PDB file of N, CA and C in Angstrom:
ATOM      1  N   UNK A   1      10.642   9.692 -40.169  1.00  0.00           N
ATOM      2  CA  UNK A   1      11.382   8.727 -39.950  1.00  0.00           C
ATOM      3  C   UNK A   1      11.602   8.616 -41.576  1.00  0.00           C
ATOM      4  N   UNK A   2      12.369   7.766 -42.200  1.00  0.00           N
ATOM      5  CA  UNK A   2      13.354   7.358 -43.485  1.00  0.00           C
ATOM      6  C   UNK A   2      12.756   6.710 -43.952  1.00  0.00           C
ATOM      7  N   UNK A   3      13.213   6.066 -45.279  1.00  0.00           N
ATOM      8  CA  UNK A   3      13.067   5.275 -46.124  1.00  0.00           C
ATOM      9  C   UNK A   3      14.062   5.698 -47.106  1.00  0.00           C
ATOM     10  N   UNK A   4      15.114   4.501 -47.700  1.00  0.00           N
ATOM     11  CA  UNK A   4      15.653   4.264 -49.123  1.00  0.00           C
ATOM     12  C   UNK A   4      14.416   5.068 -49.626  1.00  0.00           C
ATOM     13  N   UNK A   5      15.347   5.571 -50.605  1.00  0.00           N
ATOM     14  CA  UNK A   5      14.556   6.091 -51.534  1.00  0.00           C
ATOM     15  C   UNK A   5      15.174   4.844 -52.983  1.00  0.00           C
ATOM     16  N   UNK A   6      15.006   4.859 -54.361  1.00  0.00           N
ATOM     17  CA  UNK A   6      15.012   4.223 -55.197  1.00  0.00           C
ATOM     18  C   UNK A   6      16.484   3.944 -55.920  1.00  0.00           C
ATOM     19  N   UNK A   7      16.995   5.854 -56.396  1.00  0.00           N
ATOM     20  CA  UNK A   7      17.947   5.403 -56.547  1.00  0.00           C
ATOM     21  C   UNK A   7      19.042   5.557 -55.787  1.00  0.00           C
ATOM     22  N   UNK A   8      18.912   5.547 -54.390  1.00  0.00           N
ATOM     23  CA  UNK A   8      20.187   5.752 -53.184  1.00  0.00           C
ATOM     24  C   UNK A   8      19.506   7.229 -51.730  1.00  0.00           C
ATOM     25  N   UNK A   9      18.803   8.010 -52.324  1.00  0.00           N
ATOM     26  CA  UNK A   9      18.711   8.792 -51.643  1.00  0.00           C
ATOM     27  C   UNK A   9      17.495   8.814 -50.767  1.00  0.00           C
ATOM     28  N   UNK A  10      17.401   9.160 -49.973  1.00  0.00           N
ATOM     29  CA  UNK A  10      16.811   8.858 -48.147  1.00  0.00           C
ATOM     30  C   UNK A  10      15.539  10.166 -48.350  1.00  0.00           C
ATOM     31  N   UNK A  11      14.546   9.763 -48.160  1.00  0.00           N
ATOM     32  CA  UNK A  11      13.541  10.918 -48.375  1.00  0.00           C
ATOM     33  C   UNK A  11      12.850  10.980 -46.044  1.00  0.00           C
ATOM     34  N   UNK A  12      12.421  12.089 -46.248  1.00  0.00           N
ATOM     35  CA  UNK A  12      11.284  12.163 -44.872  1.00  0.00           C
ATOM     36  C   UNK A  12       9.683  11.737 -45.770  1.00  0.00           C
ATOM     37  N   UNK A  13       8.990  10.524 -44.664  1.00  0.00           N
ATOM     38  CA  UNK A  13       8.061  10.355 -44.939  1.00  0.00           C
ATOM     39  C   UNK A  13       6.770  11.482 -43.791  1.00  0.00           C
ATOM     40  N   UNK A  14       6.051  12.054 -45.111  1.00  0.00           N
ATOM     41  CA  UNK A  14       5.399  12.534 -44.851  1.00  0.00           C
ATOM     42  C   UNK A  14       4.235  12.426 -44.392  1.00  0.00           C
ATOM     43  N   UNK A  15       3.639  13.439 -43.600  1.00  0.00           N
ATOM     44  CA  UNK A  15       2.010  12.575 -42.892  1.00  0.00           C
ATOM     45  C   UNK A  15       0.998  13.014 -44.653  1.00  0.00           C
ATOM     46  N   UNK A  16       0.930  14.018 -45.142  1.00  0.00           N
ATOM     47  CA  UNK A  16      -0.023  13.801 -46.335  1.00  0.00           C
ATOM     48  C   UNK A  16       1.142  13.600 -47.183  1.00  0.00           C
ATOM     49  N   UNK A  17       1.581  12.321 -47.528  1.00  0.00           N
ATOM     50  CA  UNK A  17       2.466  11.929 -48.828  1.00  0.00           C
ATOM     51  C   UNK A  17       1.741  11.882 -50.233  1.00  0.00           C
ATOM     52  N   UNK A  18       0.568  11.390 -50.608  1.00  0.00           N
ATOM     53  CA  UNK A  18      -0.053  11.473 -51.072  1.00  0.00           C
ATOM     54  C   UNK A  18      -0.182  13.165 -51.402  1.00  0.00           C
ATOM     55  N   UNK A  19      -0.036  13.760 -50.994  1.00  0.00           N
ATOM     56  CA  UNK A  19      -0.542  15.287 -51.549  1.00  0.00           C
ATOM     57  C   UNK A  19       0.857  15.950 -51.202  1.00  0.00           C
ATOM     58  N   UNK A  20       2.187  15.316 -51.418  1.00  0.00           N
ATOM     59  CA  UNK A  20       3.422  16.487 -52.232  1.00  0.00           C
ATOM     60  C   UNK A  20       4.102  15.071 -52.098  1.00  0.00           C
ATOM     61  N   UNK A  21       4.294  15.526 -54.310  1.00  0.00           N
ATOM     62  CA  UNK A  21       5.040  15.435 -54.781  1.00  0.00           C
ATOM     63  C   UNK A  21       6.442  14.960 -54.204  1.00  0.00           C
ATOM     64  N   UNK A  22       7.276  14.570 -54.567  1.00  0.00           N
ATOM     65  CA  UNK A  22       8.989  14.603 -54.258  1.00  0.00           C
ATOM     66  C   UNK A  22       9.184  15.302 -55.582  1.00  0.00           C
ATOM     67  N   UNK A  23      10.892  16.598 -54.718  1.00  0.00           N
ATOM     68  CA  UNK A  23      11.693  16.717 -56.512  1.00  0.00           C
ATOM     69  C   UNK A  23      12.331  16.026 -57.715  1.00  0.00           C
ATOM     70  N   UNK A  24      11.670  16.378 -58.557  1.00  0.00           N
ATOM     71  CA  UNK A  24      11.868  15.518 -59.606  1.00  0.00           C
ATOM     72  C   UNK A  24      13.369  15.601 -60.003  1.00  0.00           C
ATOM     73  N   UNK A  25      14.058  16.054 -59.422  1.00  0.00           N
ATOM     74  CA  UNK A  25      15.865  15.837 -59.708  1.00  0.00           C
ATOM     75  C   UNK A  25      16.506  14.522 -58.601  1.00  0.00           C
ATOM     76  N   UNK A  26      15.423  14.748 -57.391  1.00  0.00           N
ATOM     77  CA  UNK A  26      15.687  13.264 -56.612  1.00  0.00           C
ATOM     78  C   UNK A  26      14.542  12.104 -57.195  1.00  0.00           C
ATOM     79  N   UNK A  27      13.927  12.236 -57.441  1.00  0.00           N
ATOM     80  CA  UNK A  27      13.027  10.656 -58.149  1.00  0.00           C
ATOM     81  C   UNK A  27      12.789  10.624 -59.017  1.00  0.00           C
ATOM     82  N   UNK A  28      13.423  11.059 -60.390  1.00  0.00           N
ATOM     83  CA  UNK A  28      13.118  11.039 -61.724  1.00  0.00           C
ATOM     84  C   UNK A  28      12.249   9.904 -62.452  1.00  0.00           C
ATOM     85  N   UNK A  29      12.133   9.283 -61.827  1.00  0.00           N
ATOM     86  CA  UNK A  29      12.004   7.655 -62.469  1.00  0.00           C
ATOM     87  C   UNK A  29      10.001   7.122 -61.494  1.00  0.00           C
ATOM     88  N   UNK A  30      10.247   8.386 -60.583  1.00  0.00           N
ATOM     89  CA  UNK A  30       8.474   8.539 -60.491  1.00  0.00           C
ATOM     90  C   UNK A  30       7.991   9.478 -60.672  1.00  0.00           C
ATOM     91  N   UNK A  31       6.473   9.769 -61.341  1.00  0.00           N
ATOM     92  CA  UNK A  31       5.855  10.979 -62.134  1.00  0.00           C
ATOM     93  C   UNK A  31       4.695  10.981 -60.968  1.00  0.00           C
ATOM     94  N   UNK A  32       4.736   9.660 -60.598  1.00  0.00           N
ATOM     95  CA  UNK A  32       2.905   9.558 -59.041  1.00  0.00           C
ATOM     96  C   UNK A  32       4.016  10.112 -57.868  1.00  0.00           C
ATOM     97  N   UNK A  33       2.541  11.144 -57.146  1.00  0.00           N
ATOM     98  CA  UNK A  33       3.571  11.185 -56.274  1.00  0.00           C
ATOM     99  C   UNK A  33       3.242  10.687 -55.149  1.00  0.00           C
ATOM    100  N   UNK A  34       2.314   9.380 -55.362  1.00  0.00           N
ATOM    101  CA  UNK A  34       2.390   8.020 -54.163  1.00  0.00           C
ATOM    102  C   UNK A  34       3.225   7.026 -54.475  1.00  0.00           C
ATOM    103  N   UNK A  35       4.442   8.111 -53.887  1.00  0.00           N
ATOM    104  CA  UNK A  35       5.775   6.822 -54.349  1.00  0.00           C
ATOM    105  C   UNK A  35       5.945   6.256 -53.047  1.00  0.00           C
ATOM    106  N   UNK A  36       5.367   5.672 -51.819  1.00  0.00           N
ATOM    107  CA  UNK A  36       5.303   4.936 -50.302  1.00  0.00           C
ATOM    108  C   UNK A  36       5.005   3.575 -51.957  1.00  0.00           C
ATOM    109  N   UNK A  37       4.206   4.144 -52.758  1.00  0.00           N
ATOM    110  CA  UNK A  37       3.576   2.642 -53.850  1.00  0.00           C
ATOM    111  C   UNK A  37       4.080   2.536 -54.382  1.00  0.00           C
ATOM    112  N   UNK A  38       5.294   3.477 -55.052  1.00  0.00           N
ATOM    113  CA  UNK A  38       6.441   3.068 -55.820  1.00  0.00           C
ATOM    114  C   UNK A  38       7.660   2.061 -55.102  1.00  0.00           C
ATOM    115  N   UNK A  39       8.303   2.396 -54.020  1.00  0.00           N
ATOM    116  CA  UNK A  39       9.131   2.140 -53.286  1.00  0.00           C
ATOM    117  C   UNK A  39       8.698   0.654 -53.051  1.00  0.00           C
ATOM    118  N   UNK A  40       8.080   1.036 -51.909  1.00  0.00           N
ATOM    119  CA  UNK A  40       7.482  -0.606 -51.756  1.00  0.00           C
ATOM    120  C   UNK A  40       5.330  -0.350 -51.192  1.00  0.00           C
ATOM    121  N   UNK A  41       5.267  -1.742 -51.469  1.00  0.00           N
ATOM    122  CA  UNK A  41       4.316  -1.767 -51.690  1.00  0.00           C
ATOM    123  C   UNK A  41       3.112  -1.448 -49.286  1.00  0.00           C
ATOM    124  N   UNK A  42       4.401  -2.170 -48.939  1.00  0.00           N
ATOM    125  CA  UNK A  42       3.847  -2.477 -47.884  1.00  0.00           C
ATOM    126  C   UNK A  42       3.742  -0.825 -46.770  1.00  0.00           C
ATOM    127  N   UNK A  43       4.226  -0.318 -47.656  1.00  0.00           N
ATOM    128  CA  UNK A  43       4.357   0.775 -46.833  1.00  0.00           C
ATOM    129  C   UNK A  43       2.810   1.712 -46.920  1.00  0.00           C
ATOM    130  N   UNK A  44       1.990   1.198 -47.711  1.00  0.00           N
ATOM    131  CA  UNK A  44       0.837   1.883 -47.985  1.00  0.00           C
ATOM    132  C   UNK A  44       0.425   1.744 -46.420  1.00  0.00           C
ATOM    133  N   UNK A  45      -0.366   2.727 -46.187  1.00  0.00           N
ATOM    134  CA  UNK A  45      -0.748   3.147 -45.420  1.00  0.00           C
ATOM    135  C   UNK A  45      -0.091   3.251 -43.737  1.00  0.00           C
ATOM    136  N   UNK A  46       1.003   2.483 -43.509  1.00  0.00           N
ATOM    137  CA  UNK A  46       1.735   2.467 -42.531  1.00  0.00           C
ATOM    138  C   UNK A  46       2.475   4.198 -42.444  1.00  0.00           C
ATOM    139  N   UNK A  47       3.075   3.733 -43.653  1.00  0.00           N
ATOM    140  CA  UNK A  47       4.185   6.036 -43.961  1.00  0.00           C
ATOM    141  C   UNK A  47       2.978   6.651 -43.064  1.00  0.00           C
ATOM    142  N   UNK A  48       1.838   6.944 -43.424  1.00  0.00           N
ATOM    143  CA  UNK A  48       1.028   7.615 -42.723  1.00  0.00           C
ATOM    144  C   UNK A  48       1.137   7.583 -41.101  1.00  0.00           C
ATOM    145  N   UNK A  49       1.478   7.341 -40.674  1.00  0.00           N
ATOM    146  CA  UNK A  49       1.281   7.123 -38.804  1.00  0.00           C
ATOM    147  C   UNK A  49       2.958   6.759 -38.708  1.00  0.00           C
ATOM    148  N   UNK A  50       3.871   6.679 -39.598  1.00  0.00           N
ATOM    149  CA  UNK A  50       5.364   7.240 -38.567  1.00  0.00           C
ATOM    150  C   UNK A  50       5.234   8.403 -37.804  1.00  0.00           C
TER     151      UNK A  50
END
């Protein structure tokens, strides 16, 4: 499954998203690995089961 990033990039939703920090060049606005919370809080928990 894919989610559109804050700056227009599309990234794959990983099973263990919390453990996989996004590439800094793709997401300069995000400094924490819990990226699904930054983009859309409703994806919390849901992104893990996609």
